[in-house]
Amino acid sequence: MQAKSYAKVNVFLKIAGKRDTYHELVSRFIRVHSLYDEFSFVKTNRKAFNIIGDFGCKLESNTVYKAYNLIKHMKNVEDFFQEYSVKIDKNIPEFAGLGGGSSNAATFLLMANKYCNLGLSKDELCDIAVKIGADVPFFVYEYDSANVTGIGEVVEIFDEELLDIKTITPDIKCDTGKIFTHFREHFYKEICKEEKEKLLNMKSIDILKELNISEANDLYEPAIMAEPLLEEYAKSNWYFSGSGSSFFTINEEE
């Protein structure tokens, strides 16, 4: 009972509007096949839900724990996790814009659905996933590339060649809430319909050739305002993922 829990990067990330306390986004997510956490269910004698791994948050704040709480009432789930612990070997940096926590939550839901025989469709799992976080539905669908809109719940596969992604993550923890506050107060803008349709229909490699780091991600400049040291890592042909702090580029070597 093992699986890979992949990282992601945002090829572009644009804000389309507001919905209650959330921001609606327009983005292209792609999975990073070279960077993943190793996820497994292992026999235990704890007789209670347990996560084994090195995390920078309390159990109650862990996305996997939140996912478990949303499905524990379903048949077989509590009994299963009295016999098995969740073991996660972390390779994806936390709080880095690479979706590690969201990927872990989605991988947990997919594995629990399989091994607890829940019989849930991807759409039904997505309804659960969106309650955990905006990035979780993307990982539930297991697409290599997808257009993601709404508050993250609208995930549409984008058919393109898989890109070889390289990432770097500075030792800087970005506070997403603070970055969105800076965005609202100093940088707020909404993508127009024409630009939205253009980006959603372009291949990722072409988007990255056409846009610079600031043009590709609406949260880059707010992140620099919040964490000025990030700017030292903004090299030519590198881009910013999510609300940071990771940067990525495309390895086009043969």
Protein backbone atom coordinates (compact mmCIF):
# COMPACT_ATOMS: atom_id res chain seq x y z
CA MET A 1 0.00 0.00 0.00
CA GLN A 2 2.29 2.68 -1.34
CA ALA A 3 1.97 5.71 -3.59
CA LYS A 4 3.89 8.76 -4.78
CA SER A 5 2.54 12.13 -3.66
CA TYR A 6 3.78 14.54 -6.34
CA ALA A 7 4.61 18.24 -6.14
CA LYS A 8 3.13 20.80 -8.51
CA VAL A 9 4.05 24.19 -9.90
CA ASN A 10 1.86 26.98 -11.24
CA VAL A 11 2.90 27.84 -14.79
CA PHE A 12 0.80 30.95 -14.37
CA LEU A 13 -1.44 32.17 -11.57
CA LYS A 14 -3.93 34.98 -12.08
CA ILE A 15 -6.68 36.34 -9.85
CA ALA A 16 -10.12 36.48 -11.46
CA GLY A 17 -12.19 37.92 -8.61
CA LYS A 18 -13.44 37.33 -5.08
CA ARG A 19 -15.92 34.84 -3.65
CA ASP A 20 -16.76 35.46 0.00
CA THR A 21 -13.40 35.23 1.80
CA TYR A 22 -11.73 33.42 -1.11
CA HIS A 23 -10.00 34.64 -4.25
CA GLU A 24 -11.03 33.06 -7.53
CA LEU A 25 -8.05 32.05 -9.60
CA VAL A 26 -7.10 31.16 -13.13
CA SER A 27 -4.05 28.92 -13.26
CA ARG A 28 -2.21 26.11 -15.02
CA PHE A 29 -0.99 23.40 -12.64
CA ILE A 30 1.55 20.83 -13.72
CA ARG A 31 2.81 17.86 -11.73
CA VAL A 32 6.51 17.63 -11.00
CA HIS A 33 7.37 13.97 -11.52
CA SER A 34 10.90 14.37 -10.19
CA LEU A 35 9.74 15.60 -6.76
CA TYR A 36 7.39 13.59 -4.56
CA ASP A 37 6.71 12.41 -1.04
CA GLU A 38 6.57 8.67 -0.43
CA PHE A 39 3.21 7.69 1.01
CA SER A 40 2.22 4.36 2.57
CA PHE A 41 -0.20 2.66 4.94
CA VAL A 42 1.71 0.53 7.46
CA LYS A 43 0.57 -1.92 10.13
CA THR A 44 0.22 -0.38 13.58
CA ASN A 45 -0.81 -1.31 17.11
CA ARG A 46 -1.82 2.20 18.16
CA LYS A 47 -5.57 1.61 17.66
CA ALA A 48 -6.06 5.26 16.72
CA PHE A 49 -5.49 7.39 13.65
CA ASN A 50 -1.79 8.15 13.40
CA ILE A 51 0.54 9.89 10.94
CA ILE A 52 4.22 9.01 10.90
CA GLY A 53 6.44 11.70 9.43
CA ASP A 54 8.42 14.88 9.96
CA PHE A 55 6.01 17.80 9.73
CA GLY A 56 6.22 21.49 10.58
CA CYS A 57 2.71 21.64 12.02
CA LYS A 58 0.58 20.05 14.72
CA LEU A 59 -1.45 16.93 13.90
CA GLU A 60 -4.73 18.90 13.95
CA SER A 61 -3.40 21.24 11.26
CA ASN A 62 -2.11 18.46 9.01
CA THR A 63 -4.02 18.22 5.73
CA VAL A 64 -4.09 14.42 5.94
CA TYR A 65 -5.68 14.60 9.38
CA LYS A 66 -8.26 17.04 8.01
CA ALA A 67 -8.97 14.63 5.15
CA TYR A 68 -9.39 11.75 7.57
CA ASN A 69 -11.89 13.72 9.65
CA LEU A 70 -14.00 14.28 6.56
CA ILE A 71 -14.29 10.57 5.72
CA LYS A 72 -13.97 8.82 9.09
CA HIS A 73 -17.75 8.41 9.33
CA MET A 74 -17.75 6.28 6.17
CA LYS A 75 -17.96 2.52 6.32
CA ASN A 76 -14.67 0.72 7.08
CA VAL A 77 -12.58 3.89 7.54
CA GLU A 78 -12.19 4.04 11.34
CA ASP A 79 -11.66 0.29 11.60
CA PHE A 80 -9.03 0.36 8.87
CA PHE A 81 -7.01 3.13 10.53
CA GLN A 82 -7.02 1.36 13.85
CA GLU A 83 -4.91 -1.27 12.08
CA TYR A 84 -2.85 0.97 9.80
CA SER A 85 -0.89 4.18 10.28
CA VAL A 86 -0.23 6.71 7.55
CA LYS A 87 3.52 6.99 6.87
CA ILE A 88 4.83 9.92 4.83
CA ASP A 89 8.49 10.31 3.89
CA LYS A 90 8.72 14.02 3.09
CA ASN A 91 10.76 15.26 0.15
CA ILE A 92 8.60 18.20 -0.92
CA PRO A 93 9.51 21.32 1.08
CA GLU A 94 6.66 22.62 3.23
CA PHE A 95 5.15 26.11 2.93
CA ALA A 96 6.89 26.45 -0.45
CA GLY A 97 4.21 26.84 -3.12
CA LEU A 98 4.70 23.28 -4.36
CA GLY A 99 1.46 21.86 -2.98
CA GLY A 100 3.03 19.24 -0.72
CA GLY A 101 0.31 19.33 1.92
CA SER A 102 -2.45 19.39 -0.68
CA SER A 103 -0.85 16.52 -2.55
CA ASN A 104 -0.61 14.50 0.67
CA ALA A 105 -4.30 15.08 1.43
CA ALA A 106 -5.30 14.01 -2.07
CA THR A 107 -3.07 10.93 -2.00
CA PHE A 108 -4.62 9.96 1.32
CA LEU A 109 -8.14 10.30 -0.10
CA LEU A 110 -7.25 8.25 -3.18
CA MET A 111 -5.61 5.49 -1.14
CA ALA A 112 -8.37 5.42 1.48
CA ASN A 113 -10.95 5.23 -1.29
CA LYS A 114 -9.10 2.21 -2.73
CA TYR A 115 -8.16 0.28 0.38
CA CYS A 116 -11.30 1.03 2.41
CA ASN A 117 -13.47 0.18 -0.61
CA LEU A 118 -15.39 3.46 -0.45
CA GLY A 119 -16.36 3.38 -4.12
CA LEU A 120 -16.21 7.16 -4.54
CA SER A 121 -15.76 8.73 -7.98
CA LYS A 122 -13.10 11.37 -8.65
CA ASP A 123 -15.84 14.02 -8.66
CA GLU A 124 -17.11 12.85 -5.27
CA LEU A 125 -13.57 12.88 -3.89
CA CYS A 126 -13.17 16.40 -5.28
CA ASP A 127 -16.22 17.53 -3.30
CA ILE A 128 -14.38 16.40 -0.17
CA ALA A 129 -11.00 17.73 -1.34
CA VAL A 130 -12.13 21.33 -1.85
CA LYS A 131 -13.10 21.50 1.84
CA ILE A 132 -9.44 20.85 2.73
CA GLY A 133 -7.74 23.35 0.43
CA ALA A 134 -7.86 25.01 -2.98
CA ASP A 135 -5.06 22.90 -4.49
CA VAL A 136 -6.30 19.50 -3.31
CA PRO A 137 -8.80 18.79 -6.15
CA PHE A 138 -6.04 19.07 -8.77
CA PHE A 139 -4.12 16.26 -7.10
CA VAL A 140 -7.25 14.13 -6.74
CA TYR A 141 -7.73 14.07 -10.51
CA GLU A 142 -4.08 12.98 -11.01
CA TYR A 143 -3.63 15.02 -14.20
CA ASP A 144 -0.11 15.91 -15.32
CA SER A 145 -1.34 19.27 -16.59
CA ALA A 146 -4.64 21.02 -15.92
CA ASN A 147 -6.36 24.37 -16.01
CA VAL A 148 -7.61 25.21 -12.54
CA THR A 149 -10.26 27.89 -11.96
CA GLY A 150 -12.86 28.95 -9.41
CA ILE A 151 -11.46 28.55 -5.90
CA GLY A 152 -9.63 25.44 -7.10
CA GLU A 153 -12.62 23.17 -7.54
CA VAL A 154 -12.80 23.43 -11.35
CA VAL A 155 -10.05 21.21 -12.76
CA GLU A 156 -9.88 20.56 -16.51
CA ILE A 157 -7.20 18.38 -18.07
CA PHE A 158 -4.86 20.13 -20.50
CA ASP A 159 -3.31 17.86 -23.08
CA GLU A 160 0.36 18.69 -23.62
CA GLU A 161 3.78 17.10 -23.45
CA LEU A 162 5.11 16.54 -19.94
CA LEU A 163 7.71 19.15 -19.01
CA ASP A 164 10.91 18.43 -17.11
CA ILE A 165 10.68 20.80 -14.13
CA LYS A 166 13.56 21.88 -11.90
CA THR A 167 12.79 23.63 -8.61
CA ILE A 168 14.68 25.51 -5.95
CA THR A 169 13.25 26.41 -2.57
CA PRO A 170 14.97 29.15 -0.52
CA ASP A 171 14.99 28.77 3.24
CA ILE A 172 12.19 31.32 3.46
CA LYS A 173 8.70 30.44 4.65
CA CYS A 174 6.07 32.52 2.89
CA ASP A 175 2.90 33.42 4.78
CA THR A 176 0.14 32.99 2.20
CA GLY A 177 -2.33 35.09 4.19
CA LYS A 178 0.14 37.97 4.43
CA ILE A 179 0.91 37.77 0.72
CA PHE A 180 -2.77 37.92 -0.23
CA THR A 181 -3.19 40.89 2.09
CA HIS A 182 -0.38 42.71 0.25
CA PHE A 183 -1.99 41.71 -3.06
CA ARG A 184 -5.37 43.14 -2.05
CA GLU A 185 -3.91 46.35 -0.61
CA HIS A 186 -1.19 47.16 -3.14
CA PHE A 187 -1.44 45.03 -6.30
CA TYR A 188 -5.06 44.04 -6.77
CA LYS A 189 -6.11 43.37 -10.35
CA GLU A 190 -8.37 40.88 -12.09
CA ILE A 191 -7.55 39.04 -15.28
CA CYS A 192 -9.71 40.07 -18.22
CA LYS A 193 -11.76 37.53 -20.18
CA GLU A 194 -9.56 37.77 -23.29
CA GLU A 195 -6.31 37.14 -21.40
CA LYS A 196 -7.92 34.33 -19.43
CA GLU A 197 -9.02 32.49 -22.57
CA LYS A 198 -5.64 33.06 -24.22
CA LEU A 199 -3.65 31.61 -21.31
CA LEU A 200 -5.98 28.67 -20.75
CA ASN A 201 -5.50 27.61 -24.38
CA MET A 202 -1.71 28.08 -24.62
CA LYS A 203 0.82 25.33 -24.03
CA SER A 204 2.80 25.76 -20.82
CA ILE A 205 6.13 26.01 -22.61
CA ASP A 206 4.79 28.86 -24.76
CA ILE A 207 3.39 30.71 -21.76
CA LEU A 208 6.77 30.62 -20.05
CA LYS A 209 8.49 31.88 -23.18
CA GLU A 210 6.06 34.79 -23.49
CA LEU A 211 5.66 35.94 -19.87
CA ASN A 212 8.24 37.06 -17.32
CA ILE A 213 8.10 36.10 -13.64
CA SER A 214 5.91 39.05 -12.62
CA GLU A 215 3.54 38.67 -15.56
CA ALA A 216 3.08 34.94 -14.95
CA ASN A 217 2.19 35.11 -11.26
CA ASP A 218 0.06 37.83 -9.64
CA LEU A 219 1.43 36.87 -6.23
CA TYR A 220 5.12 37.31 -7.04
CA GLU A 221 5.35 41.04 -6.34
CA PRO A 222 3.25 40.81 -3.14
CA ALA A 223 5.55 37.97 -2.03
CA ILE A 224 8.63 40.15 -2.65
CA MET A 225 7.01 42.89 -0.56
CA ALA A 226 6.44 40.39 2.26
CA GLU A 227 9.84 38.66 1.93
CA PRO A 228 12.35 40.93 0.10
CA LEU A 229 15.11 38.30 0.22
CA LEU A 230 13.15 36.24 -2.31
CA GLU A 231 14.20 38.61 -5.08
CA GLU A 232 17.78 37.33 -4.84
CA TYR A 233 16.56 34.00 -6.27
CA ALA A 234 14.67 35.45 -9.24
CA LYS A 235 17.10 34.46 -11.99
CA SER A 236 16.48 34.74 -15.72
CA ASN A 237 14.06 32.09 -17.03
CA TRP A 238 12.99 31.08 -13.52
CA TYR A 239 9.39 31.44 -12.35
CA PHE A 240 7.54 31.62 -9.04
CA SER A 241 5.12 28.90 -7.92
CA GLY A 242 1.94 29.70 -6.02
CA SER A 243 2.56 32.06 -3.13
CA GLY A 244 6.13 30.80 -2.83
CA SER A 245 8.78 30.45 -1.79
CA SER A 246 9.81 28.04 -4.57
CA PHE A 247 11.11 28.97 -8.01
CA PHE A 248 11.11 26.70 -11.05
CA THR A 249 12.40 26.48 -14.58
CA ILE A 250 12.05 24.14 -17.54
CA ASN A 251 14.94 21.85 -18.33
CA GLU A 252 14.98 21.74 -22.12
CA GLU A 253 18.20 19.74 -22.45
CA GLU A 254 17.97 16.60 -24.53
